[in-house]
């Protein structure tokens, strides 16, 4: 089980900390698997520095996909994506 540290912008960090946001969307430029620990470190992009606040979460599920998995790369490029928590 790995420990993975990632930046988190203040708005996203607050939503994760409160428990309202229970997912994260990231570029797949690192390895992650279920049961790893994700450490979110709050980063203030205006000040260009970390705030010192950290949040530790266990990874419960990982789904990796390519934008063209469903033949919709052009549509996604035009309209974006929704990530819907239910």
N, C-alpha and C. Protein backbone atom coordinates (compact mmCIF):
# COMPACT_ATOMS: atom_id res chain seq x y z
N UNK A 1 0.84 -1.19 0.00
CA UNK A 1 0.00 0.00 0.00
C UNK A 1 0.88 1.25 0.00
N UNK A 2 0.63 2.11 -0.95
CA UNK A 2 1.43 3.31 -1.12
C UNK A 2 0.80 4.51 -0.43
N UNK A 3 1.63 5.49 -0.14
CA UNK A 3 1.17 6.79 0.34
C UNK A 3 1.45 7.78 -0.78
N UNK A 4 0.41 8.45 -1.25
CA UNK A 4 0.51 9.33 -2.39
C UNK A 4 0.12 10.74 -1.95
N UNK A 5 1.00 11.71 -2.18
CA UNK A 5 0.73 13.10 -1.82
C UNK A 5 0.36 13.88 -3.07
N UNK A 6 -0.72 14.67 -2.97
CA UNK A 6 -1.18 15.48 -4.09
C UNK A 6 -1.65 16.85 -3.60
N UNK A 7 -1.45 17.86 -4.45
CA UNK A 7 -1.96 19.20 -4.17
C UNK A 7 -3.48 19.19 -4.24
N UNK A 8 -4.09 20.06 -3.46
CA UNK A 8 -5.54 20.23 -3.51
C UNK A 8 -5.85 21.71 -3.33
N UNK A 9 -6.56 22.28 -4.29
CA UNK A 9 -6.94 23.70 -4.21
C UNK A 9 -7.91 23.90 -3.04
N UNK A 10 -7.93 25.07 -2.41
CA UNK A 10 -8.73 25.32 -1.20
C UNK A 10 -10.20 24.91 -1.28
N UNK A 11 -10.88 25.25 -2.37
CA UNK A 11 -12.31 24.90 -2.47
C UNK A 11 -12.50 23.38 -2.46
N UNK A 12 -11.70 22.68 -3.24
CA UNK A 12 -11.80 21.22 -3.32
C UNK A 12 -11.40 20.60 -1.98
N UNK A 13 -10.34 21.13 -1.37
CA UNK A 13 -9.88 20.61 -0.08
C UNK A 13 -10.99 20.72 0.96
N UNK A 14 -11.65 21.87 1.02
CA UNK A 14 -12.73 22.08 2.00
C UNK A 14 -13.89 21.11 1.79
N UNK A 15 -14.25 20.88 0.53
CA UNK A 15 -15.33 19.94 0.24
C UNK A 15 -14.95 18.51 0.64
N UNK A 16 -13.71 18.14 0.41
CA UNK A 16 -13.24 16.81 0.81
C UNK A 16 -13.21 16.69 2.33
N UNK A 17 -12.71 17.72 2.99
CA UNK A 17 -12.61 17.71 4.46
C UNK A 17 -13.99 17.60 5.11
N UNK A 18 -14.99 18.29 4.54
CA UNK A 18 -16.33 18.27 5.11
C UNK A 18 -17.05 16.94 4.86
N UNK A 19 -16.55 16.16 3.91
CA UNK A 19 -17.18 14.89 3.57
C UNK A 19 -18.20 15.00 2.46
N UNK A 20 -18.45 16.21 1.98
CA UNK A 20 -19.44 16.38 0.90
C UNK A 20 -18.92 15.80 -0.42
N UNK A 21 -17.64 15.99 -0.70
CA UNK A 21 -17.03 15.48 -1.92
C UNK A 21 -16.27 14.20 -1.57
N UNK A 22 -16.67 13.10 -2.19
CA UNK A 22 -16.08 11.80 -1.87
C UNK A 22 -15.43 11.15 -3.09
N UNK A 23 -14.91 11.97 -3.96
CA UNK A 23 -14.23 11.48 -5.16
C UNK A 23 -13.15 12.48 -5.54
N UNK A 24 -12.22 12.06 -6.36
CA UNK A 24 -11.19 12.95 -6.85
C UNK A 24 -10.93 12.58 -8.30
N UNK A 25 -10.74 13.55 -9.16
CA UNK A 25 -10.44 13.32 -10.56
C UNK A 25 -9.02 13.83 -10.78
N UNK A 26 -8.16 12.97 -11.28
CA UNK A 26 -6.76 13.32 -11.48
C UNK A 26 -6.26 12.82 -12.82
N UNK A 27 -5.29 13.50 -13.38
CA UNK A 27 -4.59 12.97 -14.55
C UNK A 27 -3.87 11.71 -14.09
N UNK A 28 -3.93 10.67 -14.89
CA UNK A 28 -3.36 9.38 -14.52
C UNK A 28 -1.85 9.35 -14.79
N UNK A 29 -1.13 10.27 -14.16
CA UNK A 29 0.32 10.35 -14.35
C UNK A 29 1.08 9.76 -13.15
N UNK A 30 0.38 8.94 -12.36
CA UNK A 30 0.99 8.27 -11.21
C UNK A 30 0.24 6.96 -11.00
N UNK A 31 0.84 6.07 -10.25
CA UNK A 31 0.19 4.79 -9.96
C UNK A 31 -0.62 4.91 -8.67
N UNK A 32 -1.82 4.35 -8.68
CA UNK A 32 -2.68 4.34 -7.50
C UNK A 32 -3.55 3.10 -7.57
N UNK A 33 -3.80 2.51 -6.40
CA UNK A 33 -4.66 1.33 -6.35
C UNK A 33 -5.48 1.36 -5.06
N UNK A 34 -6.48 0.50 -5.03
CA UNK A 34 -7.32 0.41 -3.84
C UNK A 34 -6.45 0.10 -2.63
N UNK A 35 -6.82 0.70 -1.50
CA UNK A 35 -6.15 0.58 -0.21
C UNK A 35 -4.91 1.45 -0.06
N UNK A 36 -4.50 2.18 -1.12
CA UNK A 36 -3.44 3.16 -0.97
C UNK A 36 -3.98 4.31 -0.12
N UNK A 37 -3.10 5.14 0.39
CA UNK A 37 -3.49 6.32 1.15
C UNK A 37 -3.20 7.56 0.32
N UNK A 38 -4.21 8.38 0.13
CA UNK A 38 -4.06 9.64 -0.60
C UNK A 38 -3.97 10.77 0.43
N UNK A 39 -2.87 11.48 0.40
CA UNK A 39 -2.67 12.64 1.28
C UNK A 39 -2.91 13.88 0.43
N UNK A 40 -3.96 14.62 0.75
CA UNK A 40 -4.24 15.87 0.05
C UNK A 40 -3.63 17.00 0.85
N UNK A 41 -2.81 17.80 0.19
CA UNK A 41 -2.16 18.94 0.83
C UNK A 41 -2.73 20.22 0.21
N UNK A 42 -3.39 21.02 1.04
CA UNK A 42 -4.03 22.23 0.54
C UNK A 42 -2.98 23.19 0.00
N UNK A 43 -3.23 23.69 -1.20
CA UNK A 43 -2.31 24.59 -1.89
C UNK A 43 -3.07 25.83 -2.33
N UNK A 44 -2.55 26.99 -2.01
CA UNK A 44 -3.17 28.25 -2.40
C UNK A 44 -2.52 28.73 -3.69
N UNK A 45 -3.21 28.62 -4.83
CA UNK A 45 -2.61 29.02 -6.10
C UNK A 45 -2.34 30.52 -6.22
N UNK A 46 -3.07 31.33 -5.47
CA UNK A 46 -2.85 32.78 -5.51
C UNK A 46 -1.52 33.15 -4.84
N UNK A 47 -1.25 32.51 -3.71
CA UNK A 47 -0.01 32.77 -2.97
C UNK A 47 1.13 31.86 -3.43
N UNK A 48 0.77 30.84 -4.24
CA UNK A 48 1.73 29.86 -4.75
C UNK A 48 2.49 29.16 -3.62
N UNK A 49 1.71 28.74 -2.59
CA UNK A 49 2.34 27.99 -1.51
C UNK A 49 1.30 27.13 -0.79
N UNK A 50 1.81 26.13 -0.09
CA UNK A 50 0.95 25.23 0.69
C UNK A 50 0.48 25.95 1.95
N UNK A 51 -0.74 25.62 2.39
CA UNK A 51 -1.30 26.27 3.59
C UNK A 51 -0.89 25.54 4.86
N UNK A 52 -0.45 24.30 4.73
CA UNK A 52 -0.11 23.51 5.91
C UNK A 52 -1.21 22.53 6.30
N UNK A 53 -2.39 22.68 5.72
CA UNK A 53 -3.49 21.75 6.03
C UNK A 53 -3.36 20.50 5.17
N UNK A 54 -3.57 19.35 5.81
CA UNK A 54 -3.46 18.06 5.12
C UNK A 54 -4.66 17.19 5.47
N UNK A 55 -4.98 16.31 4.57
CA UNK A 55 -6.10 15.40 4.76
C UNK A 55 -5.69 14.03 4.23
N UNK A 56 -5.91 13.00 5.03
CA UNK A 56 -5.54 11.64 4.66
C UNK A 56 -6.80 10.83 4.38
N UNK A 57 -6.84 10.18 3.22
CA UNK A 57 -8.00 9.37 2.82
C UNK A 57 -7.52 8.04 2.25
N UNK A 58 -8.23 6.97 2.57
CA UNK A 58 -7.96 5.65 1.98
C UNK A 58 -8.63 5.59 0.61
N UNK A 59 -7.93 5.04 -0.36
CA UNK A 59 -8.49 4.85 -1.69
C UNK A 59 -9.38 3.61 -1.65
N UNK A 60 -10.66 3.79 -2.00
CA UNK A 60 -11.62 2.68 -1.97
C UNK A 60 -11.83 2.08 -3.35
N UNK A 61 -11.73 2.89 -4.40
CA UNK A 61 -11.99 2.40 -5.74
C UNK A 61 -11.27 3.30 -6.74
N UNK A 62 -10.71 2.71 -7.78
CA UNK A 62 -10.05 3.47 -8.83
C UNK A 62 -10.61 3.02 -10.17
N UNK A 63 -11.00 3.97 -11.00
CA UNK A 63 -11.46 3.67 -12.35
C UNK A 63 -10.66 4.54 -13.30
N UNK A 64 -9.86 3.92 -14.13
CA UNK A 64 -9.09 4.66 -15.13
C UNK A 64 -9.78 4.50 -16.47
N UNK A 65 -9.88 5.60 -17.21
CA UNK A 65 -10.49 5.52 -18.53
C UNK A 65 -9.81 6.49 -19.47
N UNK A 66 -9.94 6.22 -20.73
CA UNK A 66 -9.44 7.08 -21.79
C UNK A 66 -10.63 7.90 -22.29
N UNK A 67 -10.39 9.12 -22.70
CA UNK A 67 -11.49 9.98 -23.16
C UNK A 67 -12.22 9.40 -24.36
N UNK A 68 -11.59 8.50 -25.10
CA UNK A 68 -12.26 7.94 -26.27
C UNK A 68 -12.75 6.51 -26.03
N UNK A 69 -12.79 6.05 -24.78
CA UNK A 69 -13.28 4.70 -24.48
C UNK A 69 -14.67 4.45 -25.05
N UNK A 70 -15.48 5.47 -25.09
CA UNK A 70 -16.86 5.33 -25.56
C UNK A 70 -17.09 6.06 -26.88
N UNK A 71 -16.01 6.37 -27.58
CA UNK A 71 -16.11 7.03 -28.87
C UNK A 71 -16.62 8.45 -28.79
N UNK A 72 -16.35 9.15 -27.68
CA UNK A 72 -16.92 10.49 -27.49
C UNK A 72 -15.86 11.57 -27.24
N UNK A 73 -14.65 11.35 -27.69
CA UNK A 73 -13.58 12.30 -27.40
C UNK A 73 -13.92 13.72 -27.87
N UNK A 74 -14.47 13.87 -29.08
CA UNK A 74 -14.82 15.20 -29.59
C UNK A 74 -15.89 15.87 -28.72
N UNK A 75 -16.92 15.11 -28.36
CA UNK A 75 -18.00 15.65 -27.52
C UNK A 75 -17.47 16.07 -26.15
N UNK A 76 -16.61 15.24 -25.57
CA UNK A 76 -16.03 15.56 -24.26
C UNK A 76 -15.19 16.82 -24.37
N UNK A 77 -14.42 16.94 -25.46
CA UNK A 77 -13.61 18.13 -25.67
C UNK A 77 -14.44 19.39 -25.77
N UNK A 78 -15.62 19.29 -26.36
CA UNK A 78 -16.51 20.45 -26.52
C UNK A 78 -17.29 20.76 -25.24
N UNK A 79 -17.82 19.72 -24.60
CA UNK A 79 -18.77 19.92 -23.51
C UNK A 79 -18.23 19.61 -22.13
N UNK A 80 -17.11 18.92 -22.03
CA UNK A 80 -16.57 18.54 -20.73
C UNK A 80 -17.21 17.28 -20.20
N UNK A 81 -16.93 16.98 -18.94
CA UNK A 81 -17.43 15.79 -18.27
C UNK A 81 -18.14 16.15 -16.98
N UNK A 82 -19.07 15.34 -16.58
CA UNK A 82 -19.62 15.39 -15.23
C UNK A 82 -19.09 14.17 -14.50
N UNK A 83 -18.75 14.32 -13.25
CA UNK A 83 -18.49 13.21 -12.36
C UNK A 83 -19.64 13.26 -11.37
N UNK A 84 -20.47 12.24 -11.35
CA UNK A 84 -21.68 12.28 -10.55
C UNK A 84 -21.58 11.29 -9.41
N UNK A 85 -21.68 11.78 -8.20
CA UNK A 85 -21.67 10.92 -7.02
C UNK A 85 -23.11 10.60 -6.65
N UNK A 86 -23.43 9.32 -6.50
CA UNK A 86 -24.80 8.96 -6.17
C UNK A 86 -24.82 8.05 -4.95
